[in-house]
Amino acid sequence: MTAPPRVVVLPWPPKGLSPNDRRHRMAVAGTKKKYRADCAWSTIACGVRRIEATALRVRITFHPPDRRHRDTDNMLASIKAGLDGVADVIGIDDSRWELVLSRGAPKAPGRIELTLEPL
């Protein structure tokens, strides 16, 4: 019997984490570090801790802050540091995640919903 899915709500990533942002990598490092920590704390706040599984199916639903066009691949790249923060908490490296991406309705100030399903 597998464990039930867990839901985590992450904050929308700062603009500086977009791959289209052209700042130097050292200028972005602090932003990445803070977003990773924020997402780790969001995971804990949602009641999710270590998951005993070898792999996960992770359904990611992006709820942007507004109706502007955003590429799905850029949104995924923007939350990379945040996904690392989730991986830190649950104890399963993101290389063992099967990702399913979708786009939801805009919700200010923007958020990302993850559904974690042990495989």
Protein backbone atom coordinates (compact mmCIF):
# COMPACT_ATOMS: atom_id res chain seq x y z
CA MET A 1 0.00 0.00 0.00
CA THR A 2 1.37 3.40 -0.95
CA ALA A 3 1.14 6.54 1.14
CA PRO A 4 -1.49 9.13 0.23
CA PRO A 5 -0.43 12.12 -1.89
CA ARG A 6 0.74 15.20 -0.03
CA VAL A 7 0.13 18.77 -1.19
CA VAL A 8 2.65 21.59 -0.84
CA VAL A 9 1.99 25.23 -1.76
CA LEU A 10 5.08 27.25 -2.69
CA PRO A 11 5.39 31.01 -3.16
CA TRP A 12 5.75 32.42 -6.66
CA PRO A 13 9.48 32.77 -7.47
CA PRO A 14 11.13 36.20 -7.50
CA LYS A 15 11.58 37.77 -10.94
CA GLY A 16 15.36 37.45 -10.62
CA LEU A 17 15.15 33.64 -10.85
CA SER A 18 13.77 33.70 -14.39
CA PRO A 19 16.21 32.31 -16.96
CA ASN A 20 15.42 35.44 -19.00
CA ASP A 21 16.90 37.64 -16.28
CA ARG A 22 20.41 38.57 -17.37
CA ARG A 23 22.06 39.30 -14.03
CA HIS A 24 25.42 37.74 -13.19
CA ARG A 25 25.18 34.35 -11.48
CA MET A 26 26.75 35.71 -8.31
CA ALA A 27 24.07 38.42 -8.13
CA VAL A 28 21.39 35.71 -8.33
CA ALA A 29 22.99 33.37 -5.76
CA GLY A 30 21.48 35.10 -2.72
CA THR A 31 18.02 35.14 -4.30
CA LYS A 32 18.26 31.41 -5.03
CA LYS A 33 19.39 30.65 -1.49
CA LYS A 34 16.50 32.61 0.03
CA TYR A 35 13.89 31.06 -2.29
CA ARG A 36 15.21 27.57 -1.51
CA ALA A 37 14.87 28.24 2.23
CA ASP A 38 11.42 29.83 1.78
CA CYS A 39 10.20 26.75 -0.10
CA ALA A 40 11.66 24.39 2.50
CA TRP A 41 9.77 26.28 5.22
CA SER A 42 6.59 26.28 3.10
CA THR A 43 6.88 22.49 2.80
CA ILE A 44 7.16 22.15 6.56
CA ALA A 45 4.28 24.62 7.08
CA CYS A 46 2.08 22.40 4.86
CA GLY A 47 2.74 19.51 7.25
CA VAL A 48 5.02 17.58 4.91
CA ARG A 49 8.18 16.02 6.31
CA ARG A 50 10.43 13.14 5.26
CA ILE A 51 8.77 10.75 2.80
CA GLU A 52 9.73 7.08 2.87
CA ALA A 53 9.82 6.25 -0.84
CA THR A 54 12.43 5.74 -3.50
CA ALA A 55 10.74 7.92 -6.13
CA LEU A 56 7.89 10.41 -6.50
CA ARG A 57 5.41 11.59 -9.08
CA VAL A 58 5.25 15.35 -8.60
CA ARG A 59 2.33 17.19 -10.16
CA ILE A 60 3.25 20.87 -10.46
CA THR A 61 0.47 23.39 -11.09
CA PHE A 62 1.57 26.94 -11.78
CA HIS A 63 -0.83 29.70 -10.70
CA PRO A 64 0.81 32.90 -12.01
CA PRO A 65 0.13 36.23 -10.32
CA ASP A 66 -1.44 37.70 -13.48
CA ARG A 67 -2.53 36.80 -17.01
CA ARG A 68 0.76 37.66 -18.75
CA HIS A 69 2.16 34.98 -21.05
CA ARG A 70 4.79 32.75 -19.44
CA ASP A 71 6.55 29.77 -20.98
CA THR A 72 6.15 26.57 -18.99
CA ASP A 73 9.84 25.71 -19.33
CA ASN A 74 10.85 29.11 -17.94
CA MET A 75 8.43 28.75 -15.02
CA LEU A 76 9.95 25.35 -14.23
CA ALA A 77 13.49 26.75 -14.44
CA SER A 78 12.48 29.62 -12.14
CA ILE A 79 11.44 27.25 -9.36
CA LYS A 80 14.50 24.97 -9.52
CA ALA A 81 15.93 26.33 -6.26
CA GLY A 82 12.50 25.95 -4.63
CA LEU A 83 12.23 22.32 -5.71
CA ASP A 84 15.65 21.73 -4.15
CA GLY A 85 14.27 23.15 -0.90
CA VAL A 86 11.35 20.69 -1.04
CA ALA A 87 13.79 17.84 -1.76
CA ASP A 88 15.84 18.87 1.29
CA VAL A 89 12.78 18.44 3.52
CA ILE A 90 11.31 15.25 2.07
CA GLY A 91 14.64 13.47 1.66
CA ILE A 92 14.15 12.40 -1.98
CA ASP A 93 16.47 13.97 -4.54
CA ASP A 94 14.66 15.64 -7.43
CA SER A 95 16.51 13.37 -9.88
CA ARG A 96 14.07 10.68 -8.66
CA TRP A 97 10.96 12.74 -9.43
CA GLU A 98 8.62 12.14 -12.34
CA LEU A 99 7.22 15.59 -13.19
CA VAL A 100 3.74 16.36 -14.49
CA LEU A 101 3.31 20.05 -15.34
CA SER A 102 0.10 22.05 -15.69
CA ARG A 103 -1.02 25.64 -15.67
CA GLY A 104 -3.85 26.79 -13.42
CA ALA A 105 -5.83 29.99 -13.22
CA PRO A 106 -3.96 33.12 -12.12
CA LYS A 107 -4.05 33.73 -8.37
CA ALA A 108 -2.44 36.86 -6.94
CA PRO A 109 0.28 36.99 -5.66
CA GLY A 110 1.02 33.75 -7.55
CA ARG A 111 1.79 30.30 -6.21
CA ILE A 112 2.89 26.83 -7.18
CA GLU A 113 0.99 23.76 -5.99
CA LEU A 114 2.87 20.47 -5.76
CA THR A 115 1.15 17.14 -5.29
CA LEU A 116 3.67 14.56 -4.10
CA GLU A 117 2.71 10.94 -4.85
CA PRO A 118 5.12 8.21 -3.70
CA LEU A 119 5.86 5.60 -6.38
